[in-house]
Amino acid sequence: MANDRNSNQLVVQQARAALDQMKYEAAQELGIQFSKDGYHGEMLTKDAGRIGGNITRRLVQMAEQQLAGQAGQAGQFIR
């Protein structure tokens, strides 16, 4: 990964495997094929964006569900 120009830094390093898994699942659902050798330089920008958008939607949905669960738990204490 010495040639990796990605400047994004993971806050929780243990999340890397889960994010990679999401990437491959999203690509599969969208019918986008990754090269077998791990090189993604020939991937269309449009396809990379679709994968990223799909992952973002999933992460937002997970956060909303988590927040809804916390709000439900907080409501239990208010009563």
C-alpha atoms as a PDB file:
ATOM      1  CA  MET A   1       0.000   0.000   0.000  1.00  0.00           C
ATOM      2  CA  ALA A   2       2.940   2.314  -0.408  1.00  0.00           C
ATOM      3  CA  ASN A   3       1.277   3.786  -3.498  1.00  0.00           C
ATOM      4  CA  ASP A   4      -2.022   4.377  -1.680  1.00  0.00           C
ATOM      5  CA  ARG A   5      -2.920   8.064  -2.066  1.00  0.00           C
ATOM      6  CA  ASN A   6      -6.037   7.800   0.089  1.00  0.00           C
ATOM      7  CA  SER A   7      -5.779  10.453   2.786  1.00  0.00           C
ATOM      8  CA  ASN A   8      -8.760   9.167   4.767  1.00  0.00           C
ATOM      9  CA  GLN A   9      -7.802   7.959   8.200  1.00  0.00           C
ATOM     10  CA  LEU A  10      -9.887   5.389  10.050  1.00  0.00           C
ATOM     11  CA  VAL A  11     -10.758   6.481  13.561  1.00  0.00           C
ATOM     12  CA  VAL A  12     -11.256   2.865  14.628  1.00  0.00           C
ATOM     13  CA  GLN A  13      -8.588   0.766  12.902  1.00  0.00           C
ATOM     14  CA  GLN A  14     -10.474  -2.463  13.675  1.00  0.00           C
ATOM     15  CA  ALA A  15     -13.246  -1.276  11.325  1.00  0.00           C
ATOM     16  CA  ARG A  16     -11.071  -1.755   8.238  1.00  0.00           C
ATOM     17  CA  ALA A  17     -12.131  -5.380   7.671  1.00  0.00           C
ATOM     18  CA  ALA A  18     -15.824  -4.529   8.068  1.00  0.00           C
ATOM     19  CA  LEU A  19     -15.536  -1.617   5.625  1.00  0.00           C
ATOM     20  CA  ASP A  20     -13.701  -3.785   3.104  1.00  0.00           C
ATOM     21  CA  GLN A  21     -16.437  -6.402   3.438  1.00  0.00           C
ATOM     22  CA  MET A  22     -19.084  -3.717   2.845  1.00  0.00           C
ATOM     23  CA  LYS A  23     -17.184  -2.595  -0.266  1.00  0.00           C
ATOM     24  CA  TYR A  24     -17.204  -6.066  -1.798  1.00  0.00           C
ATOM     25  CA  GLU A  25     -20.844  -6.703  -0.846  1.00  0.00           C
ATOM     26  CA  ALA A  26     -21.942  -3.377  -2.342  1.00  0.00           C
ATOM     27  CA  ALA A  27     -20.024  -4.067  -5.550  1.00  0.00           C
ATOM     28  CA  GLN A  28     -21.567  -7.510  -5.837  1.00  0.00           C
ATOM     29  CA  GLU A  29     -25.092  -6.160  -5.274  1.00  0.00           C
ATOM     30  CA  LEU A  30     -24.498  -3.516  -7.947  1.00  0.00           C
ATOM     31  CA  GLY A  31     -23.037  -6.039 -10.405  1.00  0.00           C
ATOM     32  CA  ILE A  32     -19.602  -4.403 -10.403  1.00  0.00           C
ATOM     33  CA  GLN A  33     -16.639  -6.727 -10.771  1.00  0.00           C
ATOM     34  CA  PHE A  34     -13.284  -6.186  -9.090  1.00  0.00           C
ATOM     35  CA  SER A  35     -10.152  -7.298 -10.842  1.00  0.00           C
ATOM     36  CA  LYS A  36      -8.754 -10.574  -9.486  1.00  0.00           C
ATOM     37  CA  ASP A  37      -5.277  -9.094  -8.957  1.00  0.00           C
ATOM     38  CA  GLY A  38      -6.520  -6.387  -6.581  1.00  0.00           C
ATOM     39  CA  TYR A  39      -5.795  -3.523  -8.967  1.00  0.00           C
ATOM     40  CA  HIS A  40      -8.760  -1.138  -9.156  1.00  0.00           C
ATOM     41  CA  GLY A  41      -7.236   1.519 -11.438  1.00  0.00           C
ATOM     42  CA  GLU A  42      -9.366   0.523 -14.404  1.00  0.00           C
ATOM     43  CA  MET A  43     -12.629   0.861 -12.479  1.00  0.00           C
ATOM     44  CA  LEU A  44     -14.941   3.529 -13.828  1.00  0.00           C
ATOM     45  CA  THR A  45     -15.322   6.577 -11.614  1.00  0.00           C
ATOM     46  CA  LYS A  46     -19.082   6.148 -11.890  1.00  0.00           C
ATOM     47  CA  ASP A  47     -18.851   2.603 -10.471  1.00  0.00           C
ATOM     48  CA  ALA A  48     -16.549   3.665  -7.637  1.00  0.00           C
ATOM     49  CA  GLY A  49     -19.048   6.395  -6.770  1.00  0.00           C
ATOM     50  CA  ARG A  50     -21.946   3.952  -6.806  1.00  0.00           C
ATOM     51  CA  ILE A  51     -20.074   1.660  -4.420  1.00  0.00           C
ATOM     52  CA  GLY A  52     -19.189   4.566  -2.111  1.00  0.00           C
ATOM     53  CA  GLY A  53     -22.755   5.859  -2.175  1.00  0.00           C
ATOM     54  CA  ASN A  54     -24.104   2.436  -1.314  1.00  0.00           C
ATOM     55  CA  ILE A  55     -21.710   2.137   1.631  1.00  0.00           C
ATOM     56  CA  THR A  56     -22.642   5.625   2.842  1.00  0.00           C
ATOM     57  CA  ARG A  57     -26.346   4.749   2.748  1.00  0.00           C
ATOM     58  CA  ARG A  58     -25.656   1.595   4.776  1.00  0.00           C
ATOM     59  CA  LEU A  59     -23.594   3.458   7.364  1.00  0.00           C
ATOM     60  CA  VAL A  60     -26.242   6.174   7.754  1.00  0.00           C
ATOM     61  CA  GLN A  61     -28.934   3.526   8.145  1.00  0.00           C
ATOM     62  CA  MET A  62     -26.861   1.743  10.814  1.00  0.00           C
ATOM     63  CA  ALA A  63     -26.314   5.020  12.691  1.00  0.00           C
ATOM     64  CA  GLU A  64     -30.025   5.884  12.517  1.00  0.00           C
ATOM     65  CA  GLN A  65     -30.951   2.475  13.890  1.00  0.00           C
ATOM     66  CA  GLN A  66     -28.427   2.843  16.686  1.00  0.00           C
ATOM     67  CA  LEU A  67     -29.692   6.320  17.563  1.00  0.00           C
ATOM     68  CA  ALA A  68     -33.306   5.142  17.459  1.00  0.00           C
ATOM     69  CA  GLY A  69     -32.393   2.343  19.858  1.00  0.00           C
ATOM     70  CA  GLN A  70     -30.697   4.777  22.214  1.00  0.00           C
ATOM     71  CA  ALA A  71     -33.695   7.118  22.079  1.00  0.00           C
ATOM     72  CA  GLY A  72     -35.976   4.194  22.877  1.00  0.00           C
ATOM     73  CA  GLN A  73     -33.820   3.244  25.859  1.00  0.00           C
ATOM     74  CA  ALA A  74     -33.750   6.830  27.094  1.00  0.00           C
ATOM     75  CA  GLY A  75     -37.553   6.945  26.859  1.00  0.00           C
ATOM     76  CA  GLN A  76     -37.729   3.976  29.218  1.00  0.00           C
ATOM     77  CA  PHE A  77     -35.958   5.958  31.936  1.00  0.00           C
ATOM     78  CA  ILE A  78     -38.157   9.044  31.551  1.00  0.00           C
ATOM     79  CA  ARG A  79     -41.365   7.257  32.439  1.00  0.00           C
END
